[in-house]
Amino acid sequence: MLFDLDDTLLDREQAIEKLFLVLLEKFYENIKHTNKNEMLRRFKEYDKKNYGINDKTRVLEPFFNEFPTKRIVSQYDMQDFWNTNLPLCFSVDETILDFLSSLKEQYQLAIITNGSTERQYAKISNTNLNNYFEEVFISEEVGFTKPDRRIFEVALNKLNIQPEHVLFIGDDLEKDIEGCQNANIKGIWFNSLSLENHTDIKPYAEIKSLKELLNYLS
Protein backbone atom coordinates (compact mmCIF):
# COMPACT_ATOMS: atom_id res chain seq x y z
CA MET A 1 0.00 0.00 0.00
CA LEU A 2 1.41 3.34 -1.09
CA PHE A 3 0.39 6.65 0.48
CA ASP A 4 0.67 10.30 -0.37
CA LEU A 5 1.88 12.44 2.55
CA ASP A 6 0.47 15.99 2.63
CA ASP A 7 -3.33 16.19 3.01
CA THR A 8 -3.55 12.41 3.11
CA LEU A 9 -1.54 11.21 6.11
CA LEU A 10 -0.87 14.76 7.35
CA ASP A 11 -3.17 17.77 7.64
CA ARG A 12 -1.20 20.45 5.83
CA GLU A 13 -3.70 23.27 6.26
CA GLN A 14 -3.65 22.83 10.02
CA ALA A 15 0.16 22.92 9.93
CA ILE A 16 0.16 26.13 7.86
CA GLU A 17 -2.08 27.79 10.44
CA LYS A 18 0.33 26.77 13.19
CA LEU A 19 3.27 28.01 11.14
CA PHE A 20 1.53 31.37 10.78
CA LEU A 21 1.37 31.72 14.57
CA VAL A 22 5.09 30.95 14.80
CA LEU A 23 5.73 33.57 12.13
CA LEU A 24 3.76 36.21 14.06
CA GLU A 25 5.69 35.46 17.22
CA LYS A 26 9.07 35.62 15.50
CA PHE A 27 8.67 38.60 13.17
CA TYR A 28 5.84 40.78 14.48
CA GLU A 29 4.73 42.58 17.63
CA ASN A 30 1.33 43.77 18.89
CA ILE A 31 -0.73 42.69 15.89
CA LYS A 32 -4.44 43.42 16.31
CA HIS A 33 -6.87 40.52 16.04
CA THR A 34 -8.58 41.93 12.93
CA ASN A 35 -5.20 42.29 11.24
CA LYS A 36 -4.27 38.71 12.13
CA ASN A 37 -7.31 37.36 10.29
CA GLU A 38 -6.44 39.25 7.12
CA MET A 39 -2.77 38.30 7.42
CA LEU A 40 -3.65 34.62 7.82
CA ARG A 41 -5.93 34.77 4.78
CA ARG A 42 -3.17 36.30 2.65
CA PHE A 43 -0.55 33.91 4.05
CA LYS A 44 -2.68 30.96 2.97
CA GLU A 45 -3.17 32.50 -0.47
CA TYR A 46 0.57 32.95 -1.00
CA ASP A 47 1.17 29.40 0.22
CA LYS A 48 -1.49 27.92 -2.07
CA LYS A 49 -0.18 29.85 -5.06
CA ASN A 50 3.31 28.43 -4.52
CA TYR A 51 2.35 24.96 -3.29
CA GLY A 52 4.76 22.35 -4.61
CA ILE A 53 7.56 24.87 -5.14
CA ASN A 54 10.57 24.26 -2.90
CA ASP A 55 11.68 27.91 -2.85
CA LYS A 56 9.50 29.27 -0.04
CA THR A 57 10.88 32.79 -0.35
CA ARG A 58 8.17 33.00 -3.02
CA VAL A 59 5.64 32.75 -0.19
CA LEU A 60 7.35 34.80 2.49
CA GLU A 61 8.91 37.61 0.47
CA PRO A 62 5.64 38.96 -0.99
CA PHE A 63 3.94 38.39 2.36
CA PHE A 64 6.58 40.46 4.18
CA ASN A 65 6.34 43.14 1.47
CA GLU A 66 2.60 43.35 2.06
CA PHE A 67 2.93 43.21 5.86
CA PRO A 68 6.32 44.76 6.69
CA THR A 69 8.28 43.40 9.63
CA LYS A 70 10.29 45.39 12.17
CA ARG A 71 13.53 44.25 10.57
CA ILE A 72 14.73 43.19 7.16
CA VAL A 73 14.55 39.42 6.65
CA SER A 74 17.00 37.89 4.20
CA GLN A 75 15.98 35.24 1.69
CA TYR A 76 18.23 32.78 3.50
CA ASP A 77 16.42 33.45 6.78
CA MET A 78 13.04 33.04 5.06
CA GLN A 79 13.96 29.65 3.65
CA ASP A 80 15.54 28.55 6.91
CA PHE A 81 12.45 29.63 8.87
CA TRP A 82 10.21 27.54 6.62
CA ASN A 83 12.46 24.47 6.53
CA THR A 84 12.99 24.51 10.30
CA ASN A 85 9.52 25.33 11.55
CA LEU A 86 6.99 23.85 9.13
CA PRO A 87 7.87 20.19 9.86
CA LEU A 88 7.42 20.88 13.57
CA CYS A 89 3.86 22.11 12.94
CA PHE A 90 2.57 18.72 11.80
CA SER A 91 0.95 16.16 14.05
CA VAL A 92 -0.78 12.81 13.58
CA ASP A 93 -3.78 11.55 15.48
CA GLU A 94 -3.04 8.42 17.53
CA THR A 95 -5.95 6.60 15.89
CA ILE A 96 -4.21 6.96 12.51
CA LEU A 97 -0.98 5.58 13.95
CA ASP A 98 -2.87 2.64 15.43
CA PHE A 99 -4.51 2.02 12.06
CA LEU A 100 -1.17 2.11 10.25
CA SER A 101 0.27 -0.24 12.85
CA SER A 102 -2.44 -2.80 12.09
CA LEU A 103 -1.91 -2.40 8.33
CA LYS A 104 1.82 -2.85 8.72
CA GLU A 105 1.27 -6.33 10.11
CA GLN A 106 -0.23 -7.49 6.80
CA TYR A 107 1.04 -5.18 4.06
CA GLN A 108 4.13 -3.42 2.81
CA LEU A 109 3.62 0.29 3.43
CA ALA A 110 5.47 3.10 1.65
CA ILE A 111 5.10 6.84 1.02
CA ILE A 112 5.37 8.63 -2.33
CA THR A 113 5.41 12.40 -1.98
CA ASN A 114 6.36 15.49 -3.92
CA GLY A 115 8.48 18.14 -2.23
CA SER A 116 11.77 18.97 -0.60
CA THR A 117 13.76 15.99 0.65
CA GLU A 118 14.77 17.86 3.81
CA ARG A 119 11.27 19.01 4.75
CA GLN A 120 9.43 15.81 3.85
CA TYR A 121 11.82 13.59 5.83
CA ALA A 122 11.56 16.01 8.76
CA LYS A 123 7.75 15.85 8.69
CA ILE A 124 7.83 12.06 8.62
CA SER A 125 10.39 11.83 11.42
CA ASN A 126 8.78 14.44 13.67
CA THR A 127 5.39 12.71 13.48
CA ASN A 128 6.91 9.22 13.98
CA LEU A 129 5.48 8.05 10.66
CA ASN A 130 8.92 6.64 9.85
CA ASN A 131 8.11 3.78 12.25
CA TYR A 132 5.30 2.53 10.00
CA PHE A 133 6.66 2.76 6.46
CA GLU A 134 9.19 0.49 4.82
CA GLU A 135 10.27 3.04 2.20
CA VAL A 136 9.82 6.74 1.45
CA PHE A 137 10.07 8.12 -2.10
CA ILE A 138 10.43 11.91 -2.35
CA SER A 139 10.32 13.65 -5.72
CA GLU A 140 13.41 15.81 -5.14
CA GLU A 141 15.43 12.74 -4.19
CA VAL A 142 14.02 10.37 -6.83
CA GLY A 143 14.19 12.88 -9.67
CA PHE A 144 10.58 12.52 -10.83
CA THR A 145 7.51 14.38 -9.62
CA LYS A 146 3.94 13.10 -9.41
CA PRO A 147 2.01 12.68 -11.69
CA ASP A 148 5.02 11.36 -13.64
CA ARG A 149 4.48 7.59 -13.68
CA ARG A 150 8.22 7.04 -13.26
CA ILE A 151 8.17 7.96 -9.57
CA PHE A 152 5.63 5.17 -9.05
CA GLU A 153 7.70 2.76 -11.13
CA VAL A 154 10.77 3.53 -9.00
CA ALA A 155 8.73 2.55 -5.94
CA LEU A 156 7.48 -0.66 -7.55
CA ASN A 157 11.00 -1.69 -8.50
CA LYS A 158 12.44 -0.90 -5.06
CA LEU A 159 9.64 -2.79 -3.30
CA ASN A 160 9.86 -5.63 -5.85
CA ILE A 161 6.11 -5.78 -6.38
CA GLN A 162 3.79 -5.78 -9.39
CA PRO A 163 1.34 -2.88 -9.90
CA GLU A 164 -1.74 -5.12 -9.83
CA HIS A 165 -0.91 -5.96 -6.20
CA VAL A 166 -0.74 -2.31 -5.10
CA LEU A 167 -3.14 0.38 -3.94
CA PHE A 168 -2.16 4.05 -3.87
CA ILE A 169 -4.03 6.47 -1.59
CA GLY A 170 -3.84 10.21 -2.25
CA ASP A 171 -5.89 13.41 -2.11
CA ASP A 172 -4.97 14.96 -5.47
CA LEU A 173 -6.88 13.60 -8.45
CA GLU A 174 -4.29 14.61 -11.06
CA LYS A 175 -1.00 14.12 -9.23
CA ASP A 176 -1.95 11.10 -7.16
CA ILE A 177 -4.78 9.24 -8.86
CA GLU A 178 -4.09 9.86 -12.54
CA GLY A 179 -0.36 9.56 -11.84
CA CYS A 180 -0.54 6.14 -10.21
CA GLN A 181 -3.08 4.85 -12.74
CA ASN A 182 -0.63 5.76 -15.51
CA ALA A 183 1.64 3.21 -13.82
CA ASN A 184 -1.24 0.66 -13.74
CA ILE A 185 -1.74 1.07 -9.97
CA LYS A 186 -5.25 1.29 -8.54
CA GLY A 187 -5.76 4.80 -7.13
CA ILE A 188 -7.99 5.46 -4.14
CA TRP A 189 -9.03 9.10 -3.82
CA PHE A 190 -8.81 10.36 -0.23
CA ASN A 191 -11.55 12.97 -0.36
CA SER A 192 -11.96 14.02 3.28
CA LEU A 193 -13.50 17.37 2.25
CA SER A 194 -16.19 15.75 0.08
CA LEU A 195 -15.11 17.66 -3.02
CA GLU A 196 -16.82 17.09 -6.34
CA ASN A 197 -14.84 15.43 -9.09
CA HIS A 198 -15.02 17.78 -12.08
CA THR A 199 -12.32 15.92 -14.02
CA ASP A 200 -12.36 12.93 -16.35
CA ILE A 201 -10.22 11.00 -13.85
CA LYS A 202 -12.00 7.96 -12.43
CA PRO A 203 -10.50 6.67 -9.16
CA TYR A 204 -10.64 2.98 -8.35
CA ALA A 205 -12.48 4.06 -5.19
CA GLU A 206 -13.19 7.12 -3.06
CA ILE A 207 -12.86 7.35 0.73
CA LYS A 208 -13.42 10.10 3.27
CA SER A 209 -11.40 8.51 6.08
CA LEU A 210 -8.42 6.20 6.04
CA LYS A 211 -10.32 3.51 7.93
CA GLU A 212 -12.59 3.14 4.90
CA LEU A 213 -9.61 1.45 3.23
CA LEU A 214 -10.63 -1.72 5.02
CA ASN A 215 -13.51 -2.05 2.54
CA TYR A 216 -11.01 -2.51 -0.31
CA LEU A 217 -8.56 -4.92 1.28
CA SER A 218 -8.77 -8.66 0.91
C-alpha atoms as a PDB file:
ATOM      1  CA  MET A   1       0.000   0.000   0.000  1.00  0.00           C
ATOM      2  CA  LEU A   2       1.413   3.343  -1.094  1.00  0.00           C
ATOM      3  CA  PHE A   3       0.386   6.647   0.482  1.00  0.00           C
ATOM      4  CA  ASP A   4       0.673  10.298  -0.375  1.00  0.00           C
ATOM      5  CA  LEU A   5       1.883  12.442   2.548  1.00  0.00           C
ATOM      6  CA  ASP A   6       0.468  15.989   2.632  1.00  0.00           C
ATOM      7  CA  ASP A   7      -3.326  16.190   3.007  1.00  0.00           C
ATOM      8  CA  THR A   8      -3.547  12.405   3.107  1.00  0.00           C
ATOM      9  CA  LEU A   9      -1.536  11.214   6.108  1.00  0.00           C
ATOM     10  CA  LEU A  10      -0.872  14.756   7.350  1.00  0.00           C
ATOM     11  CA  ASP A  11      -3.174  17.773   7.641  1.00  0.00           C
ATOM     12  CA  ARG A  12      -1.197  20.450   5.829  1.00  0.00           C
ATOM     13  CA  GLU A  13      -3.699  23.274   6.262  1.00  0.00           C
ATOM     14  CA  GLN A  14      -3.651  22.825  10.019  1.00  0.00           C
ATOM     15  CA  ALA A  15       0.157  22.916   9.931  1.00  0.00           C
ATOM     16  CA  ILE A  16       0.159  26.129   7.856  1.00  0.00           C
ATOM     17  CA  GLU A  17      -2.076  27.788  10.445  1.00  0.00           C
ATOM     18  CA  LYS A  18       0.327  26.769  13.192  1.00  0.00           C
ATOM     19  CA  LEU A  19       3.273  28.014  11.138  1.00  0.00           C
ATOM     20  CA  PHE A  20       1.534  31.369  10.777  1.00  0.00           C
ATOM     21  CA  LEU A  21       1.365  31.721  14.570  1.00  0.00           C
ATOM     22  CA  VAL A  22       5.090  30.951  14.801  1.00  0.00           C
ATOM     23  CA  LEU A  23       5.733  33.573  12.129  1.00  0.00           C
ATOM     24  CA  LEU A  24       3.760  36.210  14.063  1.00  0.00           C
ATOM     25  CA  GLU A  25       5.690  35.460  17.223  1.00  0.00           C
ATOM     26  CA  LYS A  26       9.070  35.619  15.501  1.00  0.00           C
ATOM     27  CA  PHE A  27       8.668  38.597  13.167  1.00  0.00           C
ATOM     28  CA  TYR A  28       5.840  40.782  14.476  1.00  0.00           C
ATOM     29  CA  GLU A  29       4.727  42.583  17.632  1.00  0.00           C
ATOM     30  CA  ASN A  30       1.328  43.772  18.892  1.00  0.00           C
ATOM     31  CA  ILE A  31      -0.730  42.686  15.893  1.00  0.00           C
ATOM     32  CA  LYS A  32      -4.441  43.418  16.307  1.00  0.00           C
ATOM     33  CA  HIS A  33      -6.874  40.515  16.040  1.00  0.00           C
ATOM     34  CA  THR A  34      -8.576  41.925  12.933  1.00  0.00           C
ATOM     35  CA  ASN A  35      -5.198  42.289  11.236  1.00  0.00           C
ATOM     36  CA  LYS A  36      -4.275  38.711  12.131  1.00  0.00           C
ATOM     37  CA  ASN A  37      -7.307  37.362  10.291  1.00  0.00           C
ATOM     38  CA  GLU A  38      -6.437  39.251   7.121  1.00  0.00           C
ATOM     39  CA  MET A  39      -2.767  38.304   7.420  1.00  0.00           C
ATOM     40  CA  LEU A  40      -3.654  34.622   7.816  1.00  0.00           C
ATOM     41  CA  ARG A  41      -5.932  34.771   4.780  1.00  0.00           C
ATOM     42  CA  ARG A  42      -3.174  36.297   2.648  1.00  0.00           C
ATOM     43  CA  PHE A  43      -0.552  33.912   4.052  1.00  0.00           C
ATOM     44  CA  LYS A  44      -2.681  30.955   2.966  1.00  0.00           C
ATOM     45  CA  GLU A  45      -3.171  32.502  -0.472  1.00  0.00           C
ATOM     46  CA  TYR A  46       0.568  32.951  -1.005  1.00  0.00           C
ATOM     47  CA  ASP A  47       1.169  29.397   0.216  1.00  0.00           C
ATOM     48  CA  LYS A  48      -1.492  27.919  -2.067  1.00  0.00           C
ATOM     49  CA  LYS A  49      -0.179  29.851  -5.065  1.00  0.00           C
ATOM     50  CA  ASN A  50       3.306  28.433  -4.519  1.00  0.00           C
ATOM     51  CA  TYR A  51       2.355  24.962  -3.288  1.00  0.00           C
ATOM     52  CA  GLY A  52       4.761  22.354  -4.610  1.00  0.00           C
ATOM     53  CA  ILE A  53       7.565  24.870  -5.143  1.00  0.00           C
ATOM     54  CA  ASN A  54      10.572  24.264  -2.902  1.00  0.00           C
ATOM     55  CA  ASP A  55      11.678  27.911  -2.847  1.00  0.00           C
ATOM     56  CA  LYS A  56       9.502  29.266  -0.043  1.00  0.00           C
ATOM     57  CA  THR A  57      10.880  32.793  -0.352  1.00  0.00           C
ATOM     58  CA  ARG A  58       8.169  32.996  -3.020  1.00  0.00           C
ATOM     59  CA  VAL A  59       5.644  32.745  -0.191  1.00  0.00           C
ATOM     60  CA  LEU A  60       7.350  34.799   2.486  1.00  0.00           C
ATOM     61  CA  GLU A  61       8.908  37.605   0.465  1.00  0.00           C
ATOM     62  CA  PRO A  62       5.642  38.958  -0.987  1.00  0.00           C
ATOM     63  CA  PHE A  63       3.938  38.393   2.359  1.00  0.00           C
ATOM     64  CA  PHE A  64       6.581  40.464   4.178  1.00  0.00           C
ATOM     65  CA  ASN A  65       6.340  43.141   1.474  1.00  0.00           C
ATOM     66  CA  GLU A  66       2.597  43.349   2.062  1.00  0.00           C
ATOM     67  CA  PHE A  67       2.925  43.212   5.857  1.00  0.00           C
ATOM     68  CA  PRO A  68       6.318  44.759   6.692  1.00  0.00           C
ATOM     69  CA  THR A  69       8.279  43.401   9.627  1.00  0.00           C
ATOM     70  CA  LYS A  70      10.286  45.390  12.170  1.00  0.00           C
ATOM     71  CA  ARG A  71      13.529  44.249  10.567  1.00  0.00           C
ATOM     72  CA  ILE A  72      14.731  43.185   7.156  1.00  0.00           C
ATOM     73  CA  VAL A  73      14.550  39.425   6.654  1.00  0.00           C
ATOM     74  CA  SER A  74      16.997  37.888   4.197  1.00  0.00           C
ATOM     75  CA  GLN A  75      15.975  35.241   1.692  1.00  0.00           C
ATOM     76  CA  TYR A  76      18.233  32.775   3.503  1.00  0.00           C
ATOM     77  CA  ASP A  77      16.417  33.454   6.784  1.00  0.00           C
ATOM     78  CA  MET A  78      13.045  33.038   5.056  1.00  0.00           C
ATOM     79  CA  GLN A  79      13.957  29.646   3.646  1.00  0.00           C
ATOM     80  CA  ASP A  80      15.544  28.552   6.912  1.00  0.00           C
ATOM     81  CA  PHE A  81      12.452  29.631   8.867  1.00  0.00           C
ATOM     82  CA  TRP A  82      10.212  27.545   6.621  1.00  0.00           C
ATOM     83  CA  ASN A  83      12.462  24.474   6.533  1.00  0.00           C
ATOM     84  CA  THR A  84      12.992  24.506  10.303  1.00  0.00           C
ATOM     85  CA  ASN A  85       9.515  25.325  11.550  1.00  0.00           C
ATOM     86  CA  LEU A  86       6.986  23.851   9.130  1.00  0.00           C
ATOM     87  CA  PRO A  87       7.873  20.187   9.858  1.00  0.00           C
ATOM     88  CA  LEU A  88       7.418  20.883  13.573  1.00  0.00           C
ATOM     89  CA  CYS A  89       3.862  22.110  12.944  1.00  0.00           C
ATOM     90  CA  PHE A  90       2.572  18.723  11.797  1.00  0.00           C
ATOM     91  CA  SER A  91       0.946  16.164  14.048  1.00  0.00           C
ATOM     92  CA  VAL A  92      -0.778  12.811  13.576  1.00  0.00           C
ATOM     93  CA  ASP A  93      -3.777  11.546  15.480  1.00  0.00           C
ATOM     94  CA  GLU A  94      -3.042   8.422  17.533  1.00  0.00           C
ATOM     95  CA  THR A  95      -5.946   6.605  15.889  1.00  0.00           C
ATOM     96  CA  ILE A  96      -4.211   6.964  12.510  1.00  0.00           C
ATOM     97  CA  LEU A  97      -0.981   5.584  13.946  1.00  0.00           C
ATOM     98  CA  ASP A  98      -2.869   2.636  15.427  1.00  0.00           C
ATOM     99  CA  PHE A  99      -4.513   2.016  12.063  1.00  0.00           C
ATOM    100  CA  LEU A 100      -1.169   2.113  10.255  1.00  0.00           C
ATOM    101  CA  SER A 101       0.270  -0.240  12.847  1.00  0.00           C
ATOM    102  CA  SER A 102      -2.437  -2.798  12.091  1.00  0.00           C
ATOM    103  CA  LEU A 103      -1.915  -2.402   8.331  1.00  0.00           C
ATOM    104  CA  LYS A 104       1.822  -2.849   8.724  1.00  0.00           C
ATOM    105  CA  GLU A 105       1.274  -6.335  10.112  1.00  0.00           C
ATOM    106  CA  GLN A 106      -0.231  -7.492   6.802  1.00  0.00           C
ATOM    107  CA  TYR A 107       1.036  -5.175   4.058  1.00  0.00           C
ATOM    108  CA  GLN A 108       4.125  -3.419   2.806  1.00  0.00           C
ATOM    109  CA  LEU A 109       3.619   0.294   3.430  1.00  0.00           C
ATOM    110  CA  ALA A 110       5.471   3.098   1.646  1.00  0.00           C
ATOM    111  CA  ILE A 111       5.097   6.835   1.020  1.00  0.00           C
ATOM    112  CA  ILE A 112       5.371   8.626  -2.332  1.00  0.00           C
ATOM    113  CA  THR A 113       5.412  12.397  -1.980  1.00  0.00           C
ATOM    114  CA  ASN A 114       6.364  15.487  -3.924  1.00  0.00           C
ATOM    115  CA  GLY A 115       8.475  18.137  -2.231  1.00  0.00           C
ATOM    116  CA  SER A 116      11.770  18.967  -0.599  1.00  0.00           C
ATOM    117  CA  THR A 117      13.759  15.988   0.646  1.00  0.00           C
ATOM    118  CA  GLU A 118      14.770  17.863   3.807  1.00  0.00           C
ATOM    119  CA  ARG A 119      11.267  19.013   4.746  1.00  0.00           C
ATOM    120  CA  GLN A 120       9.434  15.812   3.845  1.00  0.00           C
ATOM    121  CA  TYR A 121      11.822  13.593   5.828  1.00  0.00           C
ATOM    122  CA  ALA A 122      11.561  16.015   8.760  1.00  0.00           C
ATOM    123  CA  LYS A 123       7.753  15.854   8.691  1.00  0.00           C
ATOM    124  CA  ILE A 124       7.834  12.064   8.619  1.00  0.00           C
ATOM    125  CA  SER A 125      10.390  11.829  11.417  1.00  0.00           C
ATOM    126  CA  ASN A 126       8.779  14.439  13.673  1.00  0.00           C
ATOM    127  CA  THR A 127       5.388  12.709  13.475  1.00  0.00           C
ATOM    128  CA  ASN A 128       6.906   9.219  13.978  1.00  0.00           C
ATOM    129  CA  LEU A 129       5.480   8.055  10.657  1.00  0.00           C
ATOM    130  CA  ASN A 130       8.915   6.635   9.848  1.00  0.00           C
ATOM    131  CA  ASN A 131       8.109   3.779  12.247  1.00  0.00           C
ATOM    132  CA  TYR A 132       5.302   2.533  10.000  1.00  0.00           C
ATOM    133  CA  PHE A 133       6.659   2.756   6.463  1.00  0.00           C
ATOM    134  CA  GLU A 134       9.191   0.494   4.818  1.00  0.00           C
ATOM    135  CA  GLU A 135      10.265   3.037   2.195  1.00  0.00           C
ATOM    136  CA  VAL A 136       9.822   6.744   1.453  1.00  0.00           C
ATOM    137  CA  PHE A 137      10.072   8.119  -2.102  1.00  0.00           C
ATOM    138  CA  ILE A 138      10.426  11.906  -2.347  1.00  0.00           C
ATOM    139  CA  SER A 139      10.318  13.648  -5.719  1.00  0.00           C
ATOM    140  CA  GLU A 140      13.407  15.813  -5.144  1.00  0.00           C
ATOM    141  CA  GLU A 141      15.432  12.737  -4.192  1.00  0.00           C
ATOM    142  CA  VAL A 142      14.020  10.372  -6.829  1.00  0.00           C
ATOM    143  CA  GLY A 143      14.194  12.881  -9.675  1.00  0.00           C
ATOM    144  CA  PHE A 144      10.584  12.515 -10.829  1.00  0.00           C
ATOM    145  CA  THR A 145       7.511  14.383  -9.618  1.00  0.00           C
ATOM    146  CA  LYS A 146       3.942  13.102  -9.415  1.00  0.00           C
ATOM    147  CA  PRO A 147       2.009  12.680 -11.690  1.00  0.00           C
ATOM    148  CA  ASP A 148       5.017  11.356 -13.638  1.00  0.00           C
ATOM    149  CA  ARG A 149       4.480   7.593 -13.677  1.00  0.00           C
ATOM    150  CA  ARG A 150       8.222   7.038 -13.261  1.00  0.00           C
ATOM    151  CA  ILE A 151       8.175   7.959  -9.566  1.00  0.00           C
ATOM    152  CA  PHE A 152       5.626   5.171  -9.047  1.00  0.00           C
ATOM    153  CA  GLU A 153       7.700   2.764 -11.126  1.00  0.00           C
ATOM    154  CA  VAL A 154      10.768   3.531  -8.997  1.00  0.00           C
ATOM    155  CA  ALA A 155       8.728   2.545  -5.936  1.00  0.00           C
ATOM    156  CA  LEU A 156       7.476  -0.662  -7.548  1.00  0.00           C
ATOM    157  CA  ASN A 157      11.004  -1.694  -8.495  1.00  0.00           C
ATOM    158  CA  LYS A 158      12.437  -0.902  -5.059  1.00  0.00           C
ATOM    159  CA  LEU A 159       9.639  -2.786  -3.302  1.00  0.00           C
ATOM    160  CA  ASN A 160       9.857  -5.630  -5.854  1.00  0.00           C
ATOM    161  CA  ILE A 161       6.105  -5.777  -6.381  1.00  0.00           C
ATOM    162  CA  GLN A 162       3.788  -5.783  -9.388  1.00  0.00           C
ATOM    163  CA  PRO A 163       1.337  -2.876  -9.902  1.00  0.00           C
ATOM    164  CA  GLU A 164      -1.744  -5.121  -9.827  1.00  0.00           C
ATOM    165  CA  HIS A 165      -0.907  -5.960  -6.199  1.00  0.00           C
ATOM    166  CA  VAL A 166      -0.744  -2.309  -5.104  1.00  0.00           C
ATOM    167  CA  LEU A 167      -3.138   0.381  -3.937  1.00  0.00           C
ATOM    168  CA  PHE A 168      -2.164   4.054  -3.868  1.00  0.00           C
ATOM    169  CA  ILE A 169      -4.026   6.467  -1.594  1.00  0.00           C
ATOM    170  CA  GLY A 170      -3.842  10.211  -2.248  1.00  0.00           C
ATOM    171  CA  ASP A 171      -5.891  13.414  -2.106  1.00  0.00           C
ATOM    172  CA  ASP A 172      -4.969  14.961  -5.472  1.00  0.00           C
ATOM    173  CA  LEU A 173      -6.877  13.603  -8.451  1.00  0.00           C
ATOM    174  CA  GLU A 174      -4.293  14.609 -11.060  1.00  0.00           C
ATOM    175  CA  LYS A 175      -1.000  14.122  -9.225  1.00  0.00           C
ATOM    176  CA  ASP A 176      -1.954  11.100  -7.156  1.00  0.00           C
ATOM    177  CA  ILE A 177      -4.779   9.236  -8.863  1.00  0.00           C
ATOM    178  CA  GLU A 178      -4.087   9.856 -12.541  1.00  0.00           C
ATOM    179  CA  GLY A 179      -0.364   9.557 -11.838  1.00  0.00           C
ATOM    180  CA  CYS A 180      -0.540   6.142 -10.212  1.00  0.00           C
ATOM    181  CA  GLN A 181      -3.075   4.855 -12.737  1.00  0.00           C
ATOM    182  CA  ASN A 182      -0.634   5.761 -15.510  1.00  0.00           C
ATOM    183  CA  ALA A 183       1.638   3.208 -13.822  1.00  0.00           C
ATOM    184  CA  ASN A 184      -1.241   0.660 -13.736  1.00  0.00           C
ATOM    185  CA  ILE A 185      -1.743   1.067  -9.975  1.00  0.00           C
ATOM    186  CA  LYS A 186      -5.245   1.294  -8.537  1.00  0.00           C
ATOM    187  CA  GLY A 187      -5.762   4.800  -7.130  1.00  0.00           C
ATOM    188  CA  ILE A 188      -7.988   5.464  -4.136  1.00  0.00           C
ATOM    189  CA  TRP A 189      -9.026   9.097  -3.825  1.00  0.00           C
ATOM    190  CA  PHE A 190      -8.806  10.359  -0.234  1.00  0.00           C
ATOM    191  CA  ASN A 191     -11.549  12.968  -0.358  1.00  0.00           C
ATOM    192  CA  SER A 192     -11.964  14.022   3.277  1.00  0.00           C
ATOM    193  CA  LEU A 193     -13.499  17.371   2.249  1.00  0.00           C
ATOM    194  CA  SER A 194     -16.193  15.747   0.083  1.00  0.00           C
ATOM    195  CA  LEU A 195     -15.107  17.658  -3.016  1.00  0.00           C
ATOM    196  CA  GLU A 196     -16.822  17.086  -6.339  1.00  0.00           C
ATOM    197  CA  ASN A 197     -14.839  15.432  -9.095  1.00  0.00           C
ATOM    198  CA  HIS A 198     -15.020  17.779 -12.080  1.00  0.00           C
ATOM    199  CA  THR A 199     -12.322  15.917 -14.017  1.00  0.00           C
ATOM    200  CA  ASP A 200     -12.361  12.933 -16.346  1.00  0.00           C
ATOM    201  CA  ILE A 201     -10.222  11.002 -13.850  1.00  0.00           C
ATOM    202  CA  LYS A 202     -11.998   7.956 -12.426  1.00  0.00           C
ATOM    203  CA  PRO A 203     -10.496   6.668  -9.164  1.00  0.00           C
ATOM    204  CA  TYR A 204     -10.644   2.980  -8.347  1.00  0.00           C
ATOM    205  CA  ALA A 205     -12.476   4.056  -5.185  1.00  0.00           C
ATOM    206  CA  GLU A 206     -13.185   7.119  -3.062  1.00  0.00           C
ATOM    207  CA  ILE A 207     -12.863   7.346   0.732  1.00  0.00           C
ATOM    208  CA  LYS A 208     -13.422  10.099   3.271  1.00  0.00           C
ATOM    209  CA  SER A 209     -11.403   8.509   6.085  1.00  0.00           C
ATOM    210  CA  LEU A 210      -8.425   6.201   6.040  1.00  0.00           C
ATOM    211  CA  LYS A 211     -10.318   3.506   7.928  1.00  0.00           C
ATOM    212  CA  GLU A 212     -12.594   3.136   4.899  1.00  0.00           C
ATOM    213  CA  LEU A 213      -9.613   1.451   3.229  1.00  0.00           C
ATOM    214  CA  LEU A 214     -10.627  -1.722   5.016  1.00  0.00           C
ATOM    215  CA  ASN A 215     -13.511  -2.051   2.537  1.00  0.00           C
ATOM    216  CA  TYR A 216     -11.010  -2.511  -0.310  1.00  0.00           C
ATOM    217  CA  LEU A 217      -8.560  -4.923   1.283  1.00  0.00           C
ATOM    218  CA  SER A 218      -8.770  -8.655   0.905  1.00  0.00           C
END
